[in-house]
N, C-alpha and C. Protein backbone atom coordinates (compact mmCIF):
# COMPACT_ATOMS: atom_id res chain seq x y z
N ARG A 1 0.85 -1.18 0.00
CA ARG A 1 0.00 0.00 0.00
C ARG A 1 0.89 1.24 0.00
N ASN A 2 0.56 2.15 -0.88
CA ASN A 2 1.31 3.39 -1.04
C ASN A 2 0.36 4.53 -0.69
N ASN A 3 0.68 5.31 0.33
CA ASN A 3 -0.19 6.40 0.76
C ASN A 3 0.48 7.75 0.54
N GLY A 4 -0.31 8.79 0.41
CA GLY A 4 0.22 10.13 0.24
C GLY A 4 -0.91 11.11 0.01
N HIS A 5 -0.57 12.22 -0.61
CA HIS A 5 -1.55 13.27 -0.91
C HIS A 5 -1.36 13.75 -2.33
N LEU A 6 -2.44 14.22 -2.92
CA LEU A 6 -2.41 14.80 -4.25
C LEU A 6 -3.42 15.93 -4.28
N ASP A 7 -2.95 17.14 -4.45
CA ASP A 7 -3.83 18.32 -4.48
C ASP A 7 -4.79 18.34 -3.30
N GLY A 8 -4.30 18.03 -2.12
CA GLY A 8 -5.12 18.07 -0.92
C GLY A 8 -5.97 16.84 -0.68
N ALA A 9 -5.99 15.92 -1.61
CA ALA A 9 -6.76 14.68 -1.43
C ALA A 9 -5.86 13.58 -0.89
N ASN A 10 -6.43 12.72 -0.06
CA ASN A 10 -5.70 11.55 0.41
C ASN A 10 -5.56 10.57 -0.75
N LEU A 11 -4.35 10.12 -1.00
CA LEU A 11 -4.07 9.23 -2.11
C LEU A 11 -3.63 7.87 -1.56
N THR A 12 -4.22 6.81 -2.09
CA THR A 12 -3.84 5.46 -1.73
C THR A 12 -3.69 4.65 -3.01
N ILE A 13 -2.61 3.91 -3.11
CA ILE A 13 -2.41 2.99 -4.23
C ILE A 13 -2.27 1.59 -3.65
N ASP A 14 -3.15 0.70 -4.10
CA ASP A 14 -3.13 -0.70 -3.69
C ASP A 14 -3.02 -1.58 -4.92
N ARG A 15 -2.67 -2.82 -4.66
CA ARG A 15 -2.72 -3.83 -5.72
C ARG A 15 -3.92 -4.72 -5.44
N TYR A 16 -4.66 -5.03 -6.48
CA TYR A 16 -5.88 -5.84 -6.36
C TYR A 16 -5.60 -7.15 -5.64
N SER A 17 -4.47 -7.77 -5.92
CA SER A 17 -4.13 -9.07 -5.32
C SER A 17 -3.95 -8.99 -3.81
N ARG A 18 -3.78 -7.80 -3.29
CA ARG A 18 -3.48 -7.65 -1.86
C ARG A 18 -4.64 -7.09 -1.04
N VAL A 19 -5.77 -6.80 -1.68
CA VAL A 19 -6.88 -6.24 -0.91
C VAL A 19 -7.90 -7.33 -0.59
N ALA A 20 -8.64 -7.13 0.49
CA ALA A 20 -9.66 -8.09 0.93
C ALA A 20 -10.82 -8.12 -0.06
N GLU A 21 -11.60 -9.18 -0.01
CA GLU A 21 -12.71 -9.37 -0.95
C GLU A 21 -13.70 -8.20 -0.90
N ALA A 22 -13.99 -7.68 0.27
CA ALA A 22 -14.93 -6.54 0.37
C ALA A 22 -14.38 -5.34 -0.40
N GLU A 23 -13.07 -5.09 -0.32
CA GLU A 23 -12.45 -3.99 -1.07
C GLU A 23 -12.44 -4.28 -2.57
N ARG A 24 -12.32 -5.57 -2.92
CA ARG A 24 -12.34 -5.93 -4.34
C ARG A 24 -13.70 -5.62 -4.97
N VAL A 25 -14.77 -5.89 -4.23
CA VAL A 25 -16.12 -5.60 -4.74
C VAL A 25 -16.25 -4.10 -5.01
N VAL A 26 -15.80 -3.28 -4.07
CA VAL A 26 -15.85 -1.83 -4.24
C VAL A 26 -14.95 -1.40 -5.40
N ALA A 27 -13.78 -2.01 -5.50
CA ALA A 27 -12.84 -1.67 -6.58
C ALA A 27 -13.45 -2.00 -7.95
N ARG A 28 -14.08 -3.18 -8.08
CA ARG A 28 -14.69 -3.55 -9.36
C ARG A 28 -15.81 -2.57 -9.74
N ALA A 29 -16.59 -2.13 -8.77
CA ALA A 29 -17.65 -1.15 -9.06
C ALA A 29 -17.04 0.17 -9.52
N GLY A 30 -15.96 0.60 -8.88
CA GLY A 30 -15.27 1.82 -9.29
C GLY A 30 -14.65 1.68 -10.66
N LEU A 31 -14.13 0.51 -10.95
CA LEU A 31 -13.54 0.24 -12.26
C LEU A 31 -14.60 0.33 -13.36
N VAL A 32 -15.78 -0.23 -13.11
CA VAL A 32 -16.88 -0.14 -14.07
C VAL A 32 -17.25 1.33 -14.31
N ALA A 33 -17.31 2.12 -13.25
CA ALA A 33 -17.66 3.54 -13.39
C ALA A 33 -16.62 4.29 -14.22
N ILE A 34 -15.34 4.00 -14.00
CA ILE A 34 -14.29 4.66 -14.78
C ILE A 34 -14.39 4.25 -16.25
N CYS A 35 -14.58 2.96 -16.49
CA CYS A 35 -14.71 2.48 -17.87
C CYS A 35 -15.93 3.09 -18.55
N GLU A 36 -17.02 3.19 -17.82
CA GLU A 36 -18.26 3.75 -18.38
C GLU A 36 -18.06 5.21 -18.78
N GLU A 37 -17.29 5.95 -17.98
CA GLU A 37 -17.00 7.35 -18.32
C GLU A 37 -16.15 7.42 -19.58
N SER A 38 -15.20 6.49 -19.70
CA SER A 38 -14.29 6.47 -20.84
C SER A 38 -15.01 6.06 -22.11
N GLN A 39 -15.77 4.97 -22.01
CA GLN A 39 -16.48 4.45 -23.18
C GLN A 39 -17.68 3.66 -22.67
N PRO A 40 -18.88 4.18 -22.81
CA PRO A 40 -20.08 3.50 -22.31
C PRO A 40 -20.14 2.04 -22.77
N GLY A 41 -20.41 1.16 -21.80
CA GLY A 41 -20.49 -0.27 -22.08
C GLY A 41 -19.17 -1.02 -21.95
N TYR A 42 -18.09 -0.29 -21.79
CA TYR A 42 -16.76 -0.88 -21.68
C TYR A 42 -16.57 -1.35 -20.24
N ASP A 43 -16.22 -2.63 -20.05
CA ASP A 43 -16.10 -3.20 -18.71
C ASP A 43 -14.88 -4.13 -18.67
N LEU A 44 -13.93 -3.81 -17.83
CA LEU A 44 -12.71 -4.61 -17.73
C LEU A 44 -12.65 -5.48 -16.47
N THR A 45 -13.77 -5.63 -15.78
CA THR A 45 -13.74 -6.42 -14.55
C THR A 45 -13.37 -7.88 -14.81
N ALA A 46 -13.81 -8.45 -15.93
CA ALA A 46 -13.43 -9.84 -16.24
C ALA A 46 -11.92 -9.95 -16.45
N GLU A 47 -11.32 -8.95 -17.06
CA GLU A 47 -9.86 -8.95 -17.26
C GLU A 47 -9.13 -8.88 -15.91
N VAL A 48 -9.63 -8.05 -15.00
CA VAL A 48 -9.02 -7.94 -13.67
C VAL A 48 -9.08 -9.29 -12.95
N THR A 49 -10.25 -9.92 -12.99
CA THR A 49 -10.43 -11.22 -12.33
C THR A 49 -9.55 -12.29 -12.99
N HIS A 50 -9.48 -12.28 -14.31
CA HIS A 50 -8.66 -13.25 -15.05
C HIS A 50 -7.18 -13.10 -14.68
N VAL A 51 -6.69 -11.88 -14.67
CA VAL A 51 -5.27 -11.64 -14.33
C VAL A 51 -4.99 -12.10 -12.91
N ASP A 52 -5.92 -11.83 -11.99
CA ASP A 52 -5.72 -12.22 -10.59
C ASP A 52 -5.80 -13.73 -10.42
N THR A 53 -6.83 -14.35 -10.96
CA THR A 53 -7.04 -15.79 -10.79
C THR A 53 -5.90 -16.61 -11.38
N ARG A 54 -5.43 -16.21 -12.54
CA ARG A 54 -4.37 -16.96 -13.23
C ARG A 54 -2.96 -16.48 -12.87
N GLN A 55 -2.88 -15.47 -12.00
CA GLN A 55 -1.60 -14.90 -11.57
C GLN A 55 -0.75 -14.49 -12.77
N LEU A 56 -1.38 -13.70 -13.65
CA LEU A 56 -0.70 -13.21 -14.86
C LEU A 56 -0.09 -11.83 -14.66
N GLY A 57 -0.28 -11.25 -13.50
CA GLY A 57 0.20 -9.91 -13.20
C GLY A 57 -0.60 -9.37 -12.04
N ASP A 58 -0.98 -8.09 -12.13
CA ASP A 58 -1.77 -7.49 -11.06
C ASP A 58 -2.46 -6.24 -11.58
N THR A 59 -3.41 -5.74 -10.81
CA THR A 59 -4.12 -4.51 -11.14
C THR A 59 -3.84 -3.51 -10.03
N TRP A 60 -3.38 -2.33 -10.42
CA TRP A 60 -3.12 -1.25 -9.47
C TRP A 60 -4.36 -0.40 -9.36
N LEU A 61 -4.70 -0.03 -8.13
CA LEU A 61 -5.89 0.76 -7.83
C LEU A 61 -5.46 2.04 -7.14
N LEU A 62 -5.72 3.18 -7.74
CA LEU A 62 -5.37 4.46 -7.13
C LEU A 62 -6.65 5.14 -6.68
N ARG A 63 -6.73 5.41 -5.37
CA ARG A 63 -7.90 6.08 -4.79
C ARG A 63 -7.52 7.48 -4.33
N LEU A 64 -8.42 8.40 -4.58
CA LEU A 64 -8.32 9.75 -4.03
C LEU A 64 -9.51 9.93 -3.10
N ASP A 65 -9.23 10.20 -1.82
CA ASP A 65 -10.29 10.30 -0.81
C ASP A 65 -11.24 9.11 -0.87
N ASP A 66 -10.66 7.92 -0.91
CA ASP A 66 -11.39 6.64 -0.89
C ASP A 66 -12.27 6.39 -2.11
N LYS A 67 -12.11 7.15 -3.18
CA LYS A 67 -12.86 6.90 -4.41
C LYS A 67 -11.85 6.51 -5.50
N LEU A 68 -12.14 5.41 -6.21
CA LEU A 68 -11.23 4.97 -7.26
C LEU A 68 -11.12 6.04 -8.33
N ALA A 69 -9.90 6.51 -8.57
CA ALA A 69 -9.65 7.58 -9.55
C ALA A 69 -8.86 7.08 -10.74
N ALA A 70 -8.21 5.93 -10.60
CA ALA A 70 -7.40 5.38 -11.68
C ALA A 70 -7.11 3.91 -11.40
N PHE A 71 -6.86 3.18 -12.47
CA PHE A 71 -6.44 1.79 -12.32
C PHE A 71 -5.56 1.42 -13.50
N ALA A 72 -4.76 0.39 -13.31
CA ALA A 72 -3.91 -0.14 -14.38
C ALA A 72 -3.86 -1.65 -14.25
N ILE A 73 -4.16 -2.34 -15.34
CA ILE A 73 -4.06 -3.80 -15.39
C ILE A 73 -2.73 -4.12 -16.06
N CYS A 74 -1.87 -4.81 -15.32
CA CYS A 74 -0.52 -5.09 -15.81
C CYS A 74 -0.29 -6.59 -15.90
N HIS A 75 0.41 -6.98 -16.94
CA HIS A 75 0.80 -8.37 -17.15
C HIS A 75 2.31 -8.48 -16.97
N PHE A 76 2.73 -9.53 -16.27
CA PHE A 76 4.15 -9.84 -16.16
C PHE A 76 4.30 -11.31 -15.79
N GLY A 77 5.43 -11.86 -16.14
CA GLY A 77 5.69 -13.26 -15.84
C GLY A 77 5.54 -14.13 -17.06
N PRO A 78 5.98 -15.38 -16.95
CA PRO A 78 6.09 -16.26 -18.12
C PRO A 78 4.77 -16.63 -18.80
N ARG A 79 3.64 -16.64 -18.11
CA ARG A 79 2.38 -17.03 -18.74
C ARG A 79 1.54 -15.82 -19.15
N SER A 80 2.05 -14.64 -18.94
CA SER A 80 1.28 -13.42 -19.18
C SER A 80 1.35 -12.99 -20.64
N GLU A 81 0.71 -11.88 -20.94
CA GLU A 81 0.77 -11.31 -22.28
C GLU A 81 1.96 -10.38 -22.48
N ALA A 82 2.80 -10.24 -21.47
CA ALA A 82 4.01 -9.43 -21.63
C ALA A 82 4.84 -10.03 -22.76
N PHE A 83 5.56 -9.20 -23.48
CA PHE A 83 6.32 -9.65 -24.64
C PHE A 83 7.55 -10.47 -24.26
N THR A 84 8.06 -10.26 -23.04
CA THR A 84 9.18 -11.05 -22.54
C THR A 84 8.93 -11.35 -21.06
N ASP A 85 9.66 -12.30 -20.51
CA ASP A 85 9.51 -12.63 -19.09
C ASP A 85 10.06 -11.53 -18.18
N GLU A 86 10.84 -10.62 -18.74
CA GLU A 86 11.46 -9.54 -17.95
C GLU A 86 10.68 -8.23 -18.07
N GLN A 87 9.48 -8.28 -18.59
CA GLN A 87 8.73 -7.06 -18.89
C GLN A 87 7.44 -6.99 -18.07
N CYS A 88 7.09 -5.77 -17.68
CA CYS A 88 5.78 -5.47 -17.12
C CYS A 88 5.02 -4.75 -18.23
N LEU A 89 3.95 -5.35 -18.72
CA LEU A 89 3.14 -4.77 -19.78
C LEU A 89 1.89 -4.14 -19.17
N ILE A 90 1.78 -2.83 -19.30
CA ILE A 90 0.56 -2.15 -18.85
C ILE A 90 -0.45 -2.33 -19.98
N LYS A 91 -1.38 -3.25 -19.78
CA LYS A 91 -2.35 -3.57 -20.82
C LYS A 91 -3.47 -2.54 -20.87
N HIS A 92 -3.91 -2.07 -19.71
CA HIS A 92 -4.95 -1.05 -19.62
C HIS A 92 -4.59 -0.09 -18.50
N LEU A 93 -4.73 1.19 -18.73
CA LEU A 93 -4.55 2.20 -17.69
C LEU A 93 -5.57 3.29 -17.96
N HIS A 94 -6.41 3.56 -16.97
CA HIS A 94 -7.44 4.59 -17.11
C HIS A 94 -7.42 5.50 -15.89
N VAL A 95 -7.56 6.79 -16.14
CA VAL A 95 -7.65 7.80 -15.09
C VAL A 95 -8.93 8.58 -15.34
N VAL A 96 -9.70 8.81 -14.29
CA VAL A 96 -10.97 9.52 -14.43
C VAL A 96 -10.73 11.03 -14.36
N GLY A 97 -11.49 11.79 -15.13
CA GLY A 97 -11.45 13.24 -15.05
C GLY A 97 -10.64 13.90 -16.15
N HIS A 98 -10.39 15.19 -15.96
CA HIS A 98 -9.66 16.00 -16.93
C HIS A 98 -8.79 17.00 -16.18
N GLY A 99 -7.78 17.53 -16.87
CA GLY A 99 -6.98 18.62 -16.32
C GLY A 99 -5.71 18.17 -15.64
N PRO A 100 -5.04 19.12 -14.97
CA PRO A 100 -3.72 18.86 -14.36
C PRO A 100 -3.73 17.76 -13.31
N ARG A 101 -4.82 17.64 -12.56
CA ARG A 101 -4.88 16.61 -11.52
C ARG A 101 -4.82 15.22 -12.15
N VAL A 102 -5.43 15.07 -13.32
CA VAL A 102 -5.41 13.78 -14.02
C VAL A 102 -3.98 13.42 -14.43
N VAL A 103 -3.24 14.40 -14.93
CA VAL A 103 -1.85 14.15 -15.33
C VAL A 103 -1.03 13.76 -14.11
N ALA A 104 -1.22 14.45 -12.99
CA ALA A 104 -0.50 14.11 -11.76
C ALA A 104 -0.88 12.71 -11.27
N THR A 105 -2.15 12.36 -11.37
CA THR A 105 -2.62 11.03 -10.98
C THR A 105 -1.97 9.96 -11.85
N PHE A 106 -1.94 10.22 -13.15
CA PHE A 106 -1.31 9.31 -14.12
C PHE A 106 0.15 9.07 -13.72
N HIS A 107 0.88 10.15 -13.42
CA HIS A 107 2.30 10.02 -13.04
C HIS A 107 2.47 9.24 -11.75
N ARG A 108 1.60 9.47 -10.76
CA ARG A 108 1.71 8.74 -9.49
C ARG A 108 1.47 7.25 -9.70
N LEU A 109 0.45 6.92 -10.49
CA LEU A 109 0.15 5.51 -10.75
C LEU A 109 1.28 4.85 -11.53
N LEU A 110 1.74 5.51 -12.56
CA LEU A 110 2.84 4.97 -13.37
C LEU A 110 4.10 4.81 -12.52
N GLY A 111 4.36 5.75 -11.64
CA GLY A 111 5.52 5.65 -10.74
C GLY A 111 5.44 4.42 -9.84
N ALA A 112 4.25 4.14 -9.32
CA ALA A 112 4.06 2.97 -8.46
C ALA A 112 4.29 1.67 -9.24
N ILE A 113 3.82 1.64 -10.49
CA ILE A 113 4.02 0.46 -11.34
C ILE A 113 5.50 0.27 -11.63
N GLU A 114 6.18 1.37 -11.95
CA GLU A 114 7.62 1.29 -12.25
C GLU A 114 8.42 0.83 -11.04
N GLU A 115 8.07 1.32 -9.85
CA GLU A 115 8.76 0.89 -8.62
C GLU A 115 8.55 -0.60 -8.37
N ASP A 116 7.33 -1.06 -8.57
CA ASP A 116 7.04 -2.48 -8.37
C ASP A 116 7.80 -3.33 -9.39
N ALA A 117 7.83 -2.88 -10.63
CA ALA A 117 8.56 -3.62 -11.67
C ALA A 117 10.04 -3.73 -11.30
N GLN A 118 10.60 -2.65 -10.79
CA GLN A 118 12.00 -2.67 -10.38
C GLN A 118 12.20 -3.63 -9.21
N ALA A 119 11.29 -3.62 -8.25
CA ALA A 119 11.40 -4.53 -7.11
C ALA A 119 11.30 -5.99 -7.55
N ARG A 120 10.56 -6.25 -8.61
CA ARG A 120 10.44 -7.61 -9.15
C ARG A 120 11.60 -7.96 -10.08
N GLU A 121 12.51 -7.02 -10.26
CA GLU A 121 13.66 -7.17 -11.14
C GLU A 121 13.25 -7.36 -12.60
N LEU A 122 12.15 -6.71 -12.99
CA LEU A 122 11.75 -6.67 -14.39
C LEU A 122 12.55 -5.56 -15.05
N THR A 123 13.01 -5.79 -16.25
CA THR A 123 13.93 -4.84 -16.88
C THR A 123 13.24 -3.72 -17.65
N GLU A 124 11.93 -3.87 -17.91
CA GLU A 124 11.24 -2.81 -18.65
C GLU A 124 9.76 -2.79 -18.33
N VAL A 125 9.18 -1.61 -18.54
CA VAL A 125 7.75 -1.40 -18.45
C VAL A 125 7.31 -0.96 -19.84
N ALA A 126 6.29 -1.62 -20.38
CA ALA A 126 5.84 -1.33 -21.75
C ALA A 126 4.34 -1.08 -21.75
N THR A 127 3.88 -0.38 -22.77
CA THR A 127 2.45 -0.15 -22.96
C THR A 127 2.19 0.18 -24.42
N MET A 128 0.95 0.25 -24.77
CA MET A 128 0.55 0.73 -26.09
C MET A 128 -0.35 1.94 -25.84
N VAL A 129 -0.22 2.93 -26.69
CA VAL A 129 -1.03 4.13 -26.50
C VAL A 129 -1.42 4.69 -27.87
N SER A 130 -2.60 5.21 -27.95
CA SER A 130 -3.05 5.88 -29.16
C SER A 130 -2.43 7.27 -29.19
N ALA A 131 -1.88 7.64 -30.34
CA ALA A 131 -1.31 8.98 -30.46
C ALA A 131 -2.40 10.04 -30.36
N GLY A 132 -3.66 9.63 -30.49
CA GLY A 132 -4.77 10.56 -30.29
C GLY A 132 -4.92 10.97 -28.84
N ARG A 133 -4.37 10.20 -27.94
CA ARG A 133 -4.39 10.54 -26.51
C ARG A 133 -3.10 11.27 -26.18
N ARG A 134 -3.00 12.46 -26.66
CA ARG A 134 -1.76 13.22 -26.60
C ARG A 134 -1.25 13.41 -25.17
N ALA A 135 -2.15 13.64 -24.22
CA ALA A 135 -1.70 13.83 -22.84
C ALA A 135 -0.99 12.57 -22.32
N SER A 136 -1.52 11.40 -22.65
CA SER A 136 -0.89 10.15 -22.22
C SER A 136 0.47 9.98 -22.89
N LEU A 137 0.51 10.24 -24.19
CA LEU A 137 1.76 10.12 -24.93
C LEU A 137 2.80 11.09 -24.39
N ASP A 138 2.41 12.34 -24.16
CA ASP A 138 3.33 13.34 -23.61
C ASP A 138 3.85 12.91 -22.23
N ALA A 139 2.96 12.38 -21.39
CA ALA A 139 3.37 11.96 -20.05
C ALA A 139 4.37 10.81 -20.13
N LEU A 140 4.13 9.86 -21.03
CA LEU A 140 5.07 8.75 -21.18
C LEU A 140 6.42 9.23 -21.72
N LEU A 141 6.40 10.08 -22.72
CA LEU A 141 7.65 10.60 -23.27
C LEU A 141 8.41 11.43 -22.22
N ALA A 142 7.69 12.15 -21.38
CA ALA A 142 8.33 12.94 -20.31
C ALA A 142 9.02 12.03 -19.29
N ARG A 143 8.54 10.80 -19.16
CA ARG A 143 9.15 9.83 -18.24
C ARG A 143 10.21 8.99 -18.94
N SER A 144 10.65 9.42 -20.11
CA SER A 144 11.71 8.76 -20.88
C SER A 144 11.29 7.44 -21.51
N TYR A 145 10.00 7.22 -21.67
CA TYR A 145 9.57 6.08 -22.47
C TYR A 145 9.90 6.42 -23.91
N ARG A 146 10.05 5.40 -24.73
CA ARG A 146 10.40 5.65 -26.12
C ARG A 146 9.50 4.85 -27.04
N ILE A 147 9.34 5.34 -28.24
CA ILE A 147 8.55 4.63 -29.24
C ILE A 147 9.43 3.55 -29.83
N VAL A 148 8.97 2.32 -29.72
CA VAL A 148 9.74 1.19 -30.21
C VAL A 148 9.18 0.70 -31.54
N GLU A 149 7.88 0.75 -31.66
CA GLU A 149 7.26 0.18 -32.85
C GLU A 149 5.99 0.95 -33.19
N VAL A 150 5.80 1.20 -34.46
CA VAL A 150 4.54 1.71 -34.98
C VAL A 150 3.97 0.58 -35.81
N HIS A 151 2.80 0.13 -35.46
CA HIS A 151 2.25 -1.05 -36.11
C HIS A 151 2.02 -0.85 -37.60
N ALA A 152 2.31 -1.87 -38.37
CA ALA A 152 2.30 -1.81 -39.84
C ALA A 152 0.95 -1.41 -40.39
N HIS A 153 -0.14 -1.86 -39.80
CA HIS A 153 -1.45 -1.51 -40.36
C HIS A 153 -1.71 -0.01 -40.26
N TRP A 154 -1.14 0.65 -39.25
CA TRP A 154 -1.28 2.10 -39.15
C TRP A 154 -0.39 2.80 -40.17
N ARG A 155 0.79 2.23 -40.43
CA ARG A 155 1.66 2.82 -41.45
C ARG A 155 0.97 2.77 -42.81
N ARG A 156 0.34 1.64 -43.14
CA ARG A 156 -0.37 1.53 -44.43
C ARG A 156 -1.51 2.54 -44.50
N ALA A 157 -2.26 2.68 -43.41
CA ALA A 157 -3.37 3.63 -43.40
C ALA A 157 -2.86 5.05 -43.57
N LEU A 158 -1.77 5.37 -42.88
CA LEU A 158 -1.19 6.71 -43.03
C LEU A 158 -0.70 6.94 -44.44
N ARG A 159 -0.03 5.93 -44.98
CA ARG A 159 0.51 6.06 -46.33
C ARG A 159 -0.62 6.38 -47.32
N SER A 160 -1.76 5.69 -47.20
CA SER A 160 -2.85 5.90 -48.14
C SER A 160 -3.50 7.27 -47.96
N ARG A 161 -3.45 7.84 -46.75
CA ARG A 161 -4.06 9.14 -46.51
C ARG A 161 -3.07 10.30 -46.67
N ALA A 162 -1.81 10.06 -46.31
CA ALA A 162 -0.87 11.16 -46.22
C ALA A 162 -0.18 11.49 -47.53
N LEU A 163 -0.17 10.57 -48.47
CA LEU A 163 0.58 10.81 -49.70
C LEU A 163 -0.12 11.78 -50.62
N ARG A 164 0.66 12.67 -51.17
CA ARG A 164 0.18 13.62 -52.17
C ARG A 164 0.97 13.35 -53.44
N PRO A 165 0.49 13.81 -54.59
CA PRO A 165 1.27 13.59 -55.82
C PRO A 165 2.71 14.04 -55.63
N GLY A 166 3.63 13.16 -56.00
CA GLY A 166 5.05 13.47 -55.88
C GLY A 166 5.67 12.99 -54.58
N ASP A 167 4.85 12.62 -53.58
CA ASP A 167 5.39 12.10 -52.32
C ASP A 167 5.92 10.69 -52.53
N SER A 168 6.92 10.34 -51.76
CA SER A 168 7.46 8.98 -51.81
C SER A 168 6.55 8.07 -51.00
N ASP A 169 6.30 6.86 -51.49
CA ASP A 169 5.52 5.92 -50.71
C ASP A 169 6.42 5.04 -49.85
N HIS A 170 7.69 5.39 -49.74
CA HIS A 170 8.65 4.64 -48.94
C HIS A 170 9.13 5.49 -47.77
N LEU A 171 8.19 5.87 -46.91
CA LEU A 171 8.55 6.67 -45.74
C LEU A 171 9.25 5.78 -44.72
N SER A 172 10.16 6.34 -43.98
CA SER A 172 10.88 5.59 -42.95
C SER A 172 9.97 5.40 -41.73
N ASP A 173 10.34 4.44 -40.86
CA ASP A 173 9.60 4.26 -39.61
C ASP A 173 9.59 5.54 -38.79
N ARG A 174 10.71 6.27 -38.79
CA ARG A 174 10.78 7.52 -38.04
C ARG A 174 9.78 8.53 -38.59
N GLU A 175 9.68 8.63 -39.91
CA GLU A 175 8.71 9.56 -40.51
C GLU A 175 7.28 9.16 -40.18
N HIS A 176 7.01 7.86 -40.17
CA HIS A 176 5.68 7.39 -39.80
C HIS A 176 5.39 7.70 -38.34
N ALA A 177 6.38 7.45 -37.46
CA ALA A 177 6.19 7.74 -36.04
C ALA A 177 5.93 9.22 -35.82
N LEU A 178 6.68 10.08 -36.50
CA LEU A 178 6.46 11.52 -36.35
C LEU A 178 5.07 11.92 -36.83
N ALA A 179 4.59 11.30 -37.88
CA ALA A 179 3.25 11.59 -38.36
C ALA A 179 2.20 11.15 -37.33
N LEU A 180 2.46 10.06 -36.65
CA LEU A 180 1.50 9.54 -35.67
C LEU A 180 1.42 10.38 -34.41
N ILE A 181 2.47 11.11 -34.09
CA ILE A 181 2.50 11.87 -32.85
C ILE A 181 1.66 13.14 -32.94
N ARG A 182 1.23 13.53 -34.12
CA ARG A 182 0.35 14.69 -34.22
C ARG A 182 -0.94 14.43 -33.46
N PRO A 183 -1.45 15.41 -32.72
CA PRO A 183 -2.64 15.18 -31.90
C PRO A 183 -3.89 14.81 -32.69
N ASP A 184 -3.96 15.15 -33.96
CA ASP A 184 -5.16 14.85 -34.74
C ASP A 184 -5.13 13.46 -35.36
N GLN A 185 -4.07 12.71 -35.17
CA GLN A 185 -3.96 11.36 -35.71
C GLN A 185 -4.40 10.33 -34.68
N LEU A 186 -4.92 9.22 -35.14
CA LEU A 186 -5.28 8.12 -34.26
C LEU A 186 -4.53 6.88 -34.71
N ALA A 187 -3.66 6.37 -33.85
CA ALA A 187 -2.89 5.17 -34.15
C ALA A 187 -2.34 4.61 -32.87
N LEU A 188 -1.90 3.36 -32.92
CA LEU A 188 -1.30 2.73 -31.75
C LEU A 188 0.21 2.75 -31.91
N VAL A 189 0.90 3.06 -30.84
CA VAL A 189 2.34 2.93 -30.79
C VAL A 189 2.67 2.17 -29.52
N GLU A 190 3.68 1.36 -29.58
CA GLU A 190 4.11 0.63 -28.41
C GLU A 190 5.24 1.41 -27.76
N LEU A 191 5.12 1.65 -26.48
CA LEU A 191 6.14 2.40 -25.74
C LEU A 191 6.77 1.49 -24.71
N ARG A 192 8.07 1.59 -24.59
CA ARG A 192 8.78 0.82 -23.55
C ARG A 192 9.70 1.72 -22.82
């Protein structure tokens, strides 16, 4: 359990695997509310239960004044969806709200995940993020995450939209990545 303060609010970060069943019920309800705000009908509670039951990683729960404000479902270990056994893969991370407090919440949650990964002797923390979520991308880049891969299907889509007469259809990965970082673009990039 990690305790502190954020903008005058009491902050608590727990891992789902370490909280009692009564707290898990409350956490799942808060998770549904955060998902519903993000995308109506979106529910990750089955993923949280699956990760916990199969010991594929853990879910971090960040509360502000006892209300769930953010969560992250992370995979690590040999049977998980992490790309290597030495990696912590943040599969889902959601923060409720808007503005500077959300960015600070994101950083606190990410910091807790990074500390835990280091304690587990995992060599990297990875995630995927849409370049359309510029605040998330900026926060990751500010923490020295780097773009490792831009998925090929997004490069093809960009190529078909971005080319003008006379443009080369052989853009480099760097040129594609730079095109994806524009806030008006929507694409997935993997960050490690």
